[in-house]
Amino acid sequence: MKIQNIKDIDKFFKVVDSCKGRVELVTGEGDRLNLKSKLSQYVSLANIFSDGTIDELEVIAYEPEDAGKLVDFMIEG
């Protein structure tokens, strides 16, 4: 799923941390980073975060309830 216009980075990672299953970021090269890993969170942010917002991320959530949490985050902001 594509997540767009992330303005509250801390809230996004709190949602990711609350997920029970694996949540991965898909890079432009097709690599997958485990977003539940703090190191991966910092590395991914260093590569895509520049002006206080993230325009778009491709994220894979393996558990349906986790996907629902991410959808709720997109809707509520």
N, C-alpha and C. Protein backbone atom coordinates (compact mmCIF):
# COMPACT_ATOMS: atom_id res chain seq x y z
N MET A 1 0.83 -1.17 0.00
CA MET A 1 0.00 0.00 0.00
C MET A 1 0.88 1.23 0.00
N LYS A 2 0.39 2.28 -0.60
CA LYS A 2 1.11 3.54 -0.62
C LYS A 2 0.54 4.44 0.47
N ILE A 3 1.43 5.00 1.25
CA ILE A 3 1.03 5.95 2.29
C ILE A 3 1.58 7.30 1.87
N GLN A 4 0.73 8.32 1.87
CA GLN A 4 1.13 9.62 1.35
C GLN A 4 1.00 10.71 2.40
N ASN A 5 1.82 11.76 2.19
CA ASN A 5 1.77 12.99 2.98
C ASN A 5 1.85 12.74 4.49
N ILE A 6 2.88 12.05 4.90
CA ILE A 6 3.09 11.81 6.33
C ILE A 6 3.70 13.07 6.93
N LYS A 7 2.94 13.71 7.80
CA LYS A 7 3.41 14.95 8.43
C LYS A 7 3.85 14.71 9.86
N ASP A 8 3.26 13.73 10.51
CA ASP A 8 3.62 13.41 11.90
C ASP A 8 4.39 12.09 11.90
N ILE A 9 5.70 12.20 11.78
CA ILE A 9 6.57 11.03 11.67
C ILE A 9 6.49 10.17 12.92
N ASP A 10 6.49 10.84 14.10
CA ASP A 10 6.42 10.10 15.37
C ASP A 10 5.16 9.27 15.46
N LYS A 11 4.03 9.84 15.07
CA LYS A 11 2.76 9.12 15.11
C LYS A 11 2.79 7.94 14.14
N PHE A 12 3.37 8.14 12.95
CA PHE A 12 3.47 7.05 11.98
C PHE A 12 4.24 5.88 12.58
N PHE A 13 5.39 6.16 13.21
CA PHE A 13 6.19 5.07 13.75
C PHE A 13 5.55 4.46 15.01
N LYS A 14 4.73 5.22 15.73
CA LYS A 14 3.98 4.63 16.84
C LYS A 14 2.97 3.62 16.31
N VAL A 15 2.34 3.96 15.20
CA VAL A 15 1.40 3.03 14.58
C VAL A 15 2.15 1.78 14.12
N VAL A 16 3.29 1.96 13.46
CA VAL A 16 4.10 0.82 13.01
C VAL A 16 4.50 -0.04 14.20
N ASP A 17 4.97 0.60 15.28
CA ASP A 17 5.39 -0.15 16.47
C ASP A 17 4.25 -0.92 17.11
N SER A 18 3.02 -0.42 16.95
CA SER A 18 1.86 -1.10 17.55
C SER A 18 1.41 -2.30 16.74
N CYS A 19 1.91 -2.44 15.53
CA CYS A 19 1.52 -3.56 14.67
C CYS A 19 2.08 -4.87 15.23
N LYS A 20 1.30 -5.92 15.12
CA LYS A 20 1.70 -7.23 15.66
C LYS A 20 2.62 -7.98 14.70
N GLY A 21 2.40 -7.83 13.41
CA GLY A 21 3.19 -8.54 12.41
C GLY A 21 4.28 -7.67 11.80
N ARG A 22 4.87 -8.19 10.79
CA ARG A 22 5.95 -7.51 10.09
C ARG A 22 5.40 -6.38 9.23
N VAL A 23 6.08 -5.24 9.25
CA VAL A 23 5.74 -4.10 8.41
C VAL A 23 7.02 -3.70 7.70
N GLU A 24 6.96 -3.65 6.37
CA GLU A 24 8.16 -3.37 5.60
C GLU A 24 7.98 -2.14 4.72
N LEU A 25 9.08 -1.40 4.57
CA LEU A 25 9.16 -0.30 3.63
C LEU A 25 9.80 -0.84 2.36
N VAL A 26 9.18 -0.57 1.22
CA VAL A 26 9.74 -0.99 -0.06
C VAL A 26 10.46 0.23 -0.65
N THR A 27 11.77 0.08 -0.87
CA THR A 27 12.55 1.18 -1.42
C THR A 27 12.33 1.28 -2.93
N GLY A 28 12.81 2.36 -3.52
CA GLY A 28 12.69 2.55 -4.95
C GLY A 28 13.40 1.47 -5.75
N GLU A 29 14.41 0.85 -5.13
CA GLU A 29 15.15 -0.23 -5.79
C GLU A 29 14.51 -1.60 -5.57
N GLY A 30 13.41 -1.65 -4.80
CA GLY A 30 12.73 -2.91 -4.55
C GLY A 30 13.18 -3.63 -3.28
N ASP A 31 14.14 -3.04 -2.56
CA ASP A 31 14.57 -3.65 -1.29
C ASP A 31 13.47 -3.46 -0.26
N ARG A 32 13.44 -4.35 0.72
CA ARG A 32 12.45 -4.26 1.79
C ARG A 32 13.15 -4.10 3.12
N LEU A 33 12.75 -3.05 3.85
CA LEU A 33 13.32 -2.78 5.16
C LEU A 33 12.26 -3.00 6.22
N ASN A 34 12.62 -3.70 7.29
CA ASN A 34 11.71 -3.96 8.40
C ASN A 34 11.51 -2.65 9.18
N LEU A 35 10.33 -2.06 9.08
CA LEU A 35 10.08 -0.78 9.75
C LEU A 35 9.90 -0.91 11.25
N LYS A 36 9.82 -2.12 11.76
CA LYS A 36 9.73 -2.28 13.21
C LYS A 36 11.11 -2.21 13.85
N SER A 37 12.14 -2.25 13.05
CA SER A 37 13.51 -2.10 13.53
C SER A 37 13.84 -0.61 13.64
N LYS A 38 14.30 -0.18 14.79
CA LYS A 38 14.64 1.24 14.98
C LYS A 38 15.76 1.65 14.02
N LEU A 39 16.73 0.78 13.80
CA LEU A 39 17.81 1.10 12.87
C LEU A 39 17.26 1.32 11.47
N SER A 40 16.36 0.46 11.03
CA SER A 40 15.76 0.63 9.71
C SER A 40 14.94 1.91 9.63
N GLN A 41 14.27 2.27 10.74
CA GLN A 41 13.50 3.51 10.76
C GLN A 41 14.43 4.70 10.52
N TYR A 42 15.55 4.74 11.22
CA TYR A 42 16.48 5.86 11.06
C TYR A 42 17.11 5.88 9.68
N VAL A 43 17.49 4.71 9.17
CA VAL A 43 18.11 4.65 7.85
C VAL A 43 17.10 5.09 6.78
N SER A 44 15.88 4.61 6.88
CA SER A 44 14.88 4.97 5.88
C SER A 44 14.57 6.45 5.94
N LEU A 45 14.50 7.02 7.12
CA LEU A 45 14.22 8.45 7.24
C LEU A 45 15.37 9.28 6.68
N ALA A 46 16.59 8.85 6.92
CA ALA A 46 17.75 9.60 6.41
C ALA A 46 17.72 9.67 4.89
N ASN A 47 17.19 8.64 4.25
CA ASN A 47 17.18 8.61 2.79
C ASN A 47 16.00 9.36 2.17
N ILE A 48 14.87 9.48 2.87
CA ILE A 48 13.68 10.06 2.22
C ILE A 48 13.12 11.28 2.92
N PHE A 49 13.62 11.60 4.09
CA PHE A 49 13.04 12.66 4.89
C PHE A 49 13.91 13.89 4.79
N SER A 50 13.36 14.99 4.26
CA SER A 50 14.20 16.17 4.11
C SER A 50 13.55 17.45 4.61
N ASP A 51 12.26 17.63 4.44
CA ASP A 51 11.65 18.93 4.75
C ASP A 51 10.55 18.86 5.80
N GLY A 52 10.48 17.81 6.58
CA GLY A 52 9.47 17.71 7.63
C GLY A 52 8.27 16.86 7.27
N THR A 53 8.16 16.49 6.00
CA THR A 53 7.08 15.59 5.59
C THR A 53 7.65 14.50 4.69
N ILE A 54 6.93 13.42 4.60
CA ILE A 54 7.29 12.35 3.66
C ILE A 54 6.15 12.30 2.65
N ASP A 55 6.49 12.53 1.39
CA ASP A 55 5.45 12.59 0.35
C ASP A 55 4.77 11.25 0.12
N GLU A 56 5.57 10.18 0.01
CA GLU A 56 4.97 8.88 -0.28
C GLU A 56 5.91 7.75 0.12
N LEU A 57 5.32 6.72 0.72
CA LEU A 57 6.05 5.49 1.06
C LEU A 57 5.24 4.31 0.55
N GLU A 58 5.94 3.28 0.13
CA GLU A 58 5.26 2.02 -0.15
C GLU A 58 5.54 1.10 1.01
N VAL A 59 4.48 0.64 1.66
CA VAL A 59 4.59 -0.16 2.87
C VAL A 59 3.82 -1.45 2.68
N ILE A 60 4.37 -2.55 3.21
CA ILE A 60 3.69 -3.84 3.19
C ILE A 60 3.43 -4.25 4.63
N ALA A 61 2.18 -4.50 4.96
CA ALA A 61 1.80 -5.04 6.27
C ALA A 61 1.27 -6.45 6.03
N TYR A 62 1.82 -7.41 6.75
CA TYR A 62 1.48 -8.81 6.50
C TYR A 62 0.24 -9.28 7.25
N GLU A 63 -0.17 -8.56 8.28
CA GLU A 63 -1.37 -8.93 9.03
C GLU A 63 -2.51 -7.98 8.66
N PRO A 64 -3.70 -8.51 8.38
CA PRO A 64 -4.83 -7.65 8.00
C PRO A 64 -5.13 -6.56 9.03
N GLU A 65 -5.03 -6.88 10.32
CA GLU A 65 -5.35 -5.86 11.33
C GLU A 65 -4.29 -4.75 11.32
N ASP A 66 -3.05 -5.09 10.98
CA ASP A 66 -2.00 -4.07 10.87
C ASP A 66 -2.25 -3.16 9.67
N ALA A 67 -2.68 -3.75 8.57
CA ALA A 67 -3.02 -2.95 7.39
C ALA A 67 -4.15 -1.98 7.73
N GLY A 68 -5.11 -2.44 8.54
CA GLY A 68 -6.20 -1.58 8.98
C GLY A 68 -5.70 -0.41 9.80
N LYS A 69 -4.72 -0.65 10.67
CA LYS A 69 -4.14 0.44 11.47
C LYS A 69 -3.48 1.49 10.58
N LEU A 70 -2.78 1.01 9.56
CA LEU A 70 -2.10 1.94 8.65
C LEU A 70 -3.11 2.73 7.82
N VAL A 71 -4.19 2.08 7.39
CA VAL A 71 -5.26 2.77 6.66
C VAL A 71 -5.89 3.84 7.56
N ASP A 72 -6.16 3.48 8.81
CA ASP A 72 -6.72 4.46 9.75
C ASP A 72 -5.77 5.65 9.91
N PHE A 73 -4.47 5.39 9.99
CA PHE A 73 -3.51 6.48 10.09
C PHE A 73 -3.59 7.39 8.87
N MET A 74 -3.72 6.81 7.67
CA MET A 74 -3.82 7.62 6.46
C MET A 74 -5.07 8.49 6.48
N ILE A 75 -6.17 7.93 6.97
CA ILE A 75 -7.43 8.66 6.99
C ILE A 75 -7.41 9.77 8.04
N GLU A 76 -6.92 9.42 9.23
CA GLU A 76 -6.95 10.38 10.34
C GLU A 76 -5.77 11.35 10.33
N GLY A 77 -4.66 10.92 9.70
CA GLY A 77 -3.48 11.79 9.64
C GLY A 77 -2.64 11.72 10.77
